[in-house]
Amino acid sequence: MACGGAAKAVWTTVAGDNPNHYWDWHHAVFKQQGSKGSGWAERSKLLDITERVGIDVNKVKSNIDAHRKQFERQVSNETTAANQASIRGTPAFYIYNRETKKSKTIIGAQPYSQYRSAIRSLAK
């Protein structure tokens, strides 16, 4: 299962009791992230991270097994929506001026000046 599906399984496992625990997992995954095709997001490695941050790995495994198709469908739908909006990375911000109907998309971690410039350009 891809990392997106694992993230959904972790979220549904912790959301009711400790939603902040998801962010511990998320940050740990980002620290371990490798290049595409390097195997960093294999199931066993993601489950190791899950256990390391103190999330019940057996509950996450059960969640993955019980909801795999649902999670894969959700990730696929989200990917399709992002592609249709020309979003190719994270984080992504869509800034929209309702009056002029103009918009800007900012992709990736950007300095404040990028946001300021985008907002100002849409205010004209």
N, C-alpha and C. Protein backbone atom coordinates (compact mmCIF):
# COMPACT_ATOMS: atom_id res chain seq x y z
N MET A 1 0.85 -1.18 0.00
CA MET A 1 0.00 0.00 0.00
C MET A 1 0.89 1.23 0.00
N ALA A 2 0.48 2.21 -0.78
CA ALA A 2 1.23 3.46 -0.87
C ALA A 2 1.14 4.24 0.44
N CYS A 3 2.03 5.20 0.56
CA CYS A 3 2.09 6.02 1.77
C CYS A 3 0.77 6.75 2.03
N GLY A 4 0.09 7.20 0.98
CA GLY A 4 -1.18 7.88 1.15
C GLY A 4 -2.22 7.00 1.83
N GLY A 5 -2.26 5.74 1.45
CA GLY A 5 -3.18 4.79 2.07
C GLY A 5 -2.80 4.51 3.51
N ALA A 6 -1.52 4.39 3.76
CA ALA A 6 -1.05 4.17 5.13
C ALA A 6 -1.41 5.37 6.00
N ALA A 7 -1.29 6.57 5.45
CA ALA A 7 -1.64 7.78 6.20
C ALA A 7 -3.12 7.75 6.58
N LYS A 8 -3.96 7.31 5.67
CA LYS A 8 -5.39 7.22 5.98
C LYS A 8 -5.64 6.17 7.06
N ALA A 9 -4.94 5.07 7.01
CA ALA A 9 -5.09 4.03 8.03
C ALA A 9 -4.64 4.53 9.40
N VAL A 10 -3.53 5.26 9.44
CA VAL A 10 -3.04 5.82 10.70
C VAL A 10 -4.05 6.84 11.23
N TRP A 11 -4.54 7.71 10.34
CA TRP A 11 -5.49 8.74 10.77
C TRP A 11 -6.74 8.11 11.37
N THR A 12 -7.31 7.14 10.69
CA THR A 12 -8.54 6.54 11.20
C THR A 12 -8.30 5.77 12.49
N THR A 13 -7.07 5.35 12.72
CA THR A 13 -6.73 4.65 13.96
C THR A 13 -6.65 5.63 15.13
N VAL A 14 -6.09 6.80 14.92
CA VAL A 14 -5.83 7.72 16.04
C VAL A 14 -6.81 8.88 16.16
N ALA A 15 -7.61 9.13 15.13
CA ALA A 15 -8.44 10.34 15.09
C ALA A 15 -9.36 10.49 16.29
N GLY A 16 -9.95 9.41 16.75
CA GLY A 16 -10.89 9.50 17.86
C GLY A 16 -10.25 9.75 19.20
N ASP A 17 -9.07 9.18 19.43
CA ASP A 17 -8.42 9.27 20.74
C ASP A 17 -7.38 10.38 20.84
N ASN A 18 -6.54 10.50 19.81
CA ASN A 18 -5.44 11.45 19.88
C ASN A 18 -5.05 11.90 18.47
N PRO A 19 -5.83 12.81 17.88
CA PRO A 19 -5.53 13.22 16.50
C PRO A 19 -4.14 13.83 16.34
N ASN A 20 -3.60 14.42 17.39
CA ASN A 20 -2.25 14.99 17.28
C ASN A 20 -1.20 13.92 17.07
N HIS A 21 -1.50 12.69 17.45
CA HIS A 21 -0.56 11.60 17.26
C HIS A 21 -0.31 11.34 15.77
N TYR A 22 -1.33 11.63 14.95
CA TYR A 22 -1.15 11.50 13.50
C TYR A 22 0.01 12.37 13.03
N TRP A 23 0.08 13.58 13.57
CA TRP A 23 1.15 14.50 13.13
C TRP A 23 2.51 14.03 13.57
N ASP A 24 2.62 13.33 14.69
CA ASP A 24 3.89 12.72 15.08
C ASP A 24 4.32 11.72 14.00
N TRP A 25 3.37 10.91 13.55
CA TRP A 25 3.64 9.93 12.50
C TRP A 25 4.02 10.63 11.20
N HIS A 26 3.24 11.62 10.83
CA HIS A 26 3.46 12.37 9.58
C HIS A 26 4.86 12.98 9.55
N HIS A 27 5.26 13.62 10.63
CA HIS A 27 6.59 14.24 10.69
C HIS A 27 7.69 13.18 10.62
N ALA A 28 7.48 12.05 11.29
CA ALA A 28 8.48 10.97 11.24
C ALA A 28 8.61 10.42 9.83
N VAL A 29 7.50 10.27 9.13
CA VAL A 29 7.54 9.78 7.74
C VAL A 29 8.31 10.77 6.86
N PHE A 30 8.05 12.05 7.03
CA PHE A 30 8.76 13.04 6.21
C PHE A 30 10.25 13.01 6.48
N LYS A 31 10.64 12.79 7.72
CA LYS A 31 12.07 12.71 8.04
C LYS A 31 12.73 11.51 7.37
N GLN A 32 11.96 10.42 7.18
CA GLN A 32 12.50 9.20 6.60
C GLN A 32 12.34 9.15 5.08
N GLN A 33 11.66 10.14 4.52
CA GLN A 33 11.36 10.12 3.09
C GLN A 33 12.62 10.06 2.25
N GLY A 34 12.61 9.15 1.30
CA GLY A 34 13.72 9.01 0.37
C GLY A 34 13.27 9.38 -1.03
N SER A 35 14.11 9.11 -1.98
CA SER A 35 13.77 9.43 -3.36
C SER A 35 12.78 8.40 -3.91
N LYS A 36 12.09 8.79 -4.97
CA LYS A 36 11.11 7.92 -5.60
C LYS A 36 11.78 6.62 -6.03
N GLY A 37 11.13 5.51 -5.71
CA GLY A 37 11.66 4.21 -6.10
C GLY A 37 12.71 3.65 -5.16
N SER A 38 13.01 4.36 -4.08
CA SER A 38 14.06 3.90 -3.15
C SER A 38 13.54 2.89 -2.13
N GLY A 39 12.23 2.71 -2.07
CA GLY A 39 11.66 1.76 -1.12
C GLY A 39 11.36 2.34 0.25
N TRP A 40 11.54 3.64 0.43
CA TRP A 40 11.33 4.25 1.74
C TRP A 40 9.89 4.12 2.22
N ALA A 41 8.93 3.96 1.28
CA ALA A 41 7.52 3.91 1.66
C ALA A 41 6.94 2.50 1.62
N GLU A 42 7.80 1.50 1.74
CA GLU A 42 7.29 0.12 1.78
C GLU A 42 6.48 -0.07 3.05
N ARG A 43 5.53 -0.98 2.98
CA ARG A 43 4.64 -1.24 4.12
C ARG A 43 5.42 -1.48 5.41
N SER A 44 6.42 -2.33 5.35
CA SER A 44 7.16 -2.67 6.57
C SER A 44 7.85 -1.45 7.17
N LYS A 45 8.37 -0.58 6.32
CA LYS A 45 9.05 0.63 6.82
C LYS A 45 8.05 1.61 7.42
N LEU A 46 6.89 1.75 6.78
CA LEU A 46 5.86 2.63 7.33
C LEU A 46 5.32 2.10 8.65
N LEU A 47 5.20 0.79 8.76
CA LEU A 47 4.74 0.20 10.02
C LEU A 47 5.80 0.33 11.11
N ASP A 48 7.07 0.26 10.74
CA ASP A 48 8.14 0.49 11.72
C ASP A 48 8.04 1.91 12.27
N ILE A 49 7.81 2.88 11.39
CA ILE A 49 7.66 4.27 11.83
C ILE A 49 6.45 4.39 12.75
N THR A 50 5.37 3.74 12.37
CA THR A 50 4.15 3.76 13.17
C THR A 50 4.42 3.28 14.59
N GLU A 51 5.12 2.18 14.69
CA GLU A 51 5.44 1.61 16.00
C GLU A 51 6.38 2.53 16.78
N ARG A 52 7.35 3.08 16.08
CA ARG A 52 8.33 3.96 16.73
C ARG A 52 7.71 5.19 17.38
N VAL A 53 6.66 5.74 16.74
CA VAL A 53 6.03 6.93 17.31
C VAL A 53 4.95 6.59 18.34
N GLY A 54 4.77 5.29 18.61
CA GLY A 54 3.87 4.88 19.69
C GLY A 54 2.42 4.67 19.30
N ILE A 55 2.16 4.47 18.01
CA ILE A 55 0.81 4.17 17.55
C ILE A 55 0.67 2.65 17.49
N ASP A 56 -0.47 2.15 17.90
CA ASP A 56 -0.72 0.70 17.92
C ASP A 56 -0.65 0.15 16.49
N VAL A 57 0.45 -0.49 16.18
CA VAL A 57 0.71 -0.97 14.83
C VAL A 57 -0.28 -2.06 14.43
N ASN A 58 -0.75 -2.86 15.38
CA ASN A 58 -1.72 -3.90 15.05
C ASN A 58 -3.06 -3.31 14.62
N LYS A 59 -3.46 -2.21 15.25
CA LYS A 59 -4.70 -1.55 14.84
C LYS A 59 -4.55 -0.96 13.45
N VAL A 60 -3.38 -0.39 13.17
CA VAL A 60 -3.14 0.17 11.84
C VAL A 60 -3.15 -0.93 10.79
N LYS A 61 -2.49 -2.06 11.08
CA LYS A 61 -2.49 -3.19 10.15
C LYS A 61 -3.92 -3.65 9.87
N SER A 62 -4.72 -3.77 10.92
CA SER A 62 -6.12 -4.19 10.77
C SER A 62 -6.89 -3.20 9.91
N ASN A 63 -6.64 -1.92 10.15
CA ASN A 63 -7.29 -0.87 9.37
C ASN A 63 -6.91 -0.98 7.89
N ILE A 64 -5.64 -1.19 7.63
CA ILE A 64 -5.17 -1.34 6.25
C ILE A 64 -5.86 -2.53 5.60
N ASP A 65 -5.85 -3.66 6.29
CA ASP A 65 -6.42 -4.88 5.73
C ASP A 65 -7.93 -4.75 5.49
N ALA A 66 -8.63 -4.10 6.41
CA ALA A 66 -10.08 -3.98 6.31
C ALA A 66 -10.54 -2.94 5.30
N HIS A 67 -9.72 -1.92 5.08
CA HIS A 67 -10.17 -0.78 4.27
C HIS A 67 -9.25 -0.46 3.10
N ARG A 68 -8.40 -1.37 2.71
CA ARG A 68 -7.42 -1.13 1.66
C ARG A 68 -8.04 -0.54 0.40
N LYS A 69 -9.06 -1.17 -0.13
CA LYS A 69 -9.68 -0.70 -1.39
C LYS A 69 -10.25 0.70 -1.22
N GLN A 70 -10.90 0.97 -0.09
CA GLN A 70 -11.46 2.29 0.18
C GLN A 70 -10.36 3.35 0.21
N PHE A 71 -9.26 3.05 0.93
CA PHE A 71 -8.15 4.00 1.02
C PHE A 71 -7.53 4.24 -0.35
N GLU A 72 -7.33 3.16 -1.12
CA GLU A 72 -6.74 3.30 -2.45
C GLU A 72 -7.63 4.15 -3.36
N ARG A 73 -8.95 3.95 -3.27
CA ARG A 73 -9.90 4.72 -4.06
C ARG A 73 -9.85 6.21 -3.67
N GLN A 74 -9.80 6.47 -2.36
CA GLN A 74 -9.72 7.86 -1.89
C GLN A 74 -8.45 8.54 -2.39
N VAL A 75 -7.33 7.87 -2.27
CA VAL A 75 -6.06 8.43 -2.73
C VAL A 75 -6.10 8.68 -4.24
N SER A 76 -6.66 7.74 -4.98
CA SER A 76 -6.77 7.90 -6.43
C SER A 76 -7.65 9.11 -6.77
N ASN A 77 -8.78 9.25 -6.09
CA ASN A 77 -9.67 10.39 -6.33
C ASN A 77 -8.99 11.71 -5.99
N GLU A 78 -8.24 11.74 -4.89
CA GLU A 78 -7.54 12.96 -4.49
C GLU A 78 -6.44 13.30 -5.48
N THR A 79 -5.76 12.29 -5.99
CA THR A 79 -4.70 12.51 -6.98
C THR A 79 -5.28 13.05 -8.27
N THR A 80 -6.40 12.49 -8.69
CA THR A 80 -7.07 12.97 -9.89
C THR A 80 -7.48 14.43 -9.73
N ALA A 81 -8.08 14.77 -8.60
CA ALA A 81 -8.50 16.15 -8.35
C ALA A 81 -7.30 17.10 -8.35
N ALA A 82 -6.20 16.68 -7.75
CA ALA A 82 -4.99 17.52 -7.73
C ALA A 82 -4.46 17.71 -9.14
N ASN A 83 -4.42 16.65 -9.92
CA ASN A 83 -3.94 16.76 -11.30
C ASN A 83 -4.82 17.69 -12.13
N GLN A 84 -6.13 17.60 -11.93
CA GLN A 84 -7.05 18.47 -12.66
C GLN A 84 -6.84 19.95 -12.29
N ALA A 85 -6.40 20.18 -11.06
CA ALA A 85 -6.14 21.55 -10.60
C ALA A 85 -4.69 21.97 -10.84
N SER A 86 -3.93 21.14 -11.57
CA SER A 86 -2.51 21.39 -11.88
C SER A 86 -1.65 21.48 -10.63
N ILE A 87 -2.02 20.76 -9.60
CA ILE A 87 -1.22 20.72 -8.38
C ILE A 87 -0.30 19.52 -8.47
N ARG A 88 1.00 19.79 -8.43
CA ARG A 88 1.99 18.74 -8.63
C ARG A 88 2.90 18.54 -7.42
N GLY A 89 2.56 19.15 -6.30
CA GLY A 89 3.41 19.01 -5.12
C GLY A 89 2.69 19.49 -3.88
N THR A 90 3.34 19.30 -2.76
CA THR A 90 2.78 19.74 -1.48
C THR A 90 3.82 20.55 -0.74
N PRO A 91 3.39 21.45 0.07
CA PRO A 91 2.01 21.89 0.18
C PRO A 91 1.60 22.69 -1.05
N ALA A 92 0.31 22.82 -1.25
CA ALA A 92 -0.21 23.61 -2.36
C ALA A 92 -1.27 24.56 -1.83
N PHE A 93 -1.21 25.79 -2.29
CA PHE A 93 -2.15 26.81 -1.85
C PHE A 93 -2.79 27.42 -3.09
N TYR A 94 -4.08 27.54 -3.05
CA TYR A 94 -4.85 28.12 -4.14
C TYR A 94 -5.43 29.43 -3.63
N ILE A 95 -4.99 30.53 -4.20
CA ILE A 95 -5.43 31.85 -3.76
C ILE A 95 -6.38 32.38 -4.84
N TYR A 96 -7.58 32.77 -4.42
CA TYR A 96 -8.63 33.11 -5.37
C TYR A 96 -9.28 34.44 -4.99
N ASN A 97 -9.46 35.31 -5.98
CA ASN A 97 -10.16 36.57 -5.80
C ASN A 97 -11.57 36.40 -6.35
N ARG A 98 -12.55 36.37 -5.46
CA ARG A 98 -13.94 36.15 -5.88
C ARG A 98 -14.47 37.25 -6.79
N GLU A 99 -14.01 38.45 -6.59
CA GLU A 99 -14.51 39.57 -7.40
C GLU A 99 -14.00 39.51 -8.84
N THR A 100 -12.72 39.26 -9.00
CA THR A 100 -12.14 39.25 -10.35
C THR A 100 -12.12 37.85 -10.96
N LYS A 101 -12.35 36.85 -10.14
CA LYS A 101 -12.32 35.44 -10.56
C LYS A 101 -10.93 35.00 -11.04
N LYS A 102 -9.90 35.74 -10.61
CA LYS A 102 -8.52 35.37 -10.92
C LYS A 102 -7.97 34.53 -9.78
N SER A 103 -6.98 33.70 -10.11
CA SER A 103 -6.39 32.85 -9.08
C SER A 103 -4.90 32.64 -9.32
N LYS A 104 -4.25 32.21 -8.28
CA LYS A 104 -2.83 31.85 -8.32
C LYS A 104 -2.67 30.57 -7.51
N THR A 105 -1.79 29.72 -7.94
CA THR A 105 -1.46 28.52 -7.19
C THR A 105 0.00 28.61 -6.77
N ILE A 106 0.24 28.34 -5.51
CA ILE A 106 1.61 28.33 -4.98
C ILE A 106 1.90 26.91 -4.54
N ILE A 107 2.95 26.34 -5.08
CA ILE A 107 3.28 24.95 -4.79
C ILE A 107 4.63 24.88 -4.09
N GLY A 108 4.67 24.06 -3.08
CA GLY A 108 5.91 23.87 -2.32
C GLY A 108 6.04 24.87 -1.20
N ALA A 109 6.98 24.62 -0.34
CA ALA A 109 7.25 25.53 0.78
C ALA A 109 7.88 26.79 0.20
N GLN A 110 7.20 27.91 0.34
CA GLN A 110 7.64 29.16 -0.25
C GLN A 110 7.75 30.24 0.82
N PRO A 111 8.59 31.22 0.59
CA PRO A 111 8.70 32.32 1.56
C PRO A 111 7.45 33.21 1.53
N TYR A 112 7.27 33.93 2.59
CA TYR A 112 6.13 34.84 2.72
C TYR A 112 6.00 35.77 1.53
N SER A 113 7.12 36.22 0.99
CA SER A 113 7.10 37.16 -0.13
C SER A 113 6.34 36.60 -1.34
N GLN A 114 6.39 35.28 -1.54
CA GLN A 114 5.65 34.66 -2.66
C GLN A 114 4.14 34.82 -2.46
N TYR A 115 3.69 34.63 -1.22
CA TYR A 115 2.26 34.77 -0.92
C TYR A 115 1.83 36.23 -1.07
N ARG A 116 2.63 37.12 -0.52
CA ARG A 116 2.33 38.54 -0.60
C ARG A 116 2.22 38.98 -2.06
N SER A 117 3.16 38.54 -2.87
CA SER A 117 3.17 38.90 -4.28
C SER A 117 1.93 38.34 -4.99
N ALA A 118 1.58 37.11 -4.70
CA ALA A 118 0.40 36.50 -5.33
C ALA A 118 -0.87 37.23 -4.93
N ILE A 119 -1.00 37.54 -3.65
CA ILE A 119 -2.19 38.24 -3.17
C ILE A 119 -2.28 39.62 -3.78
N ARG A 120 -1.17 40.32 -3.82
CA ARG A 120 -1.17 41.67 -4.40
C ARG A 120 -1.50 41.64 -5.89
N SER A 121 -1.00 40.66 -6.58
CA SER A 121 -1.27 40.58 -8.04
C SER A 121 -2.74 40.30 -8.30
N LEU A 122 -3.39 39.60 -7.41
CA LEU A 122 -4.82 39.30 -7.59
C LEU A 122 -5.71 40.46 -7.14
N ALA A 123 -5.18 41.35 -6.34
CA ALA A 123 -5.96 42.48 -5.85
C ALA A 123 -6.08 43.59 -6.88
N LYS A 124 -5.29 43.53 -7.92
CA LYS A 124 -5.28 44.59 -8.94
C LYS A 124 -6.52 44.55 -9.81
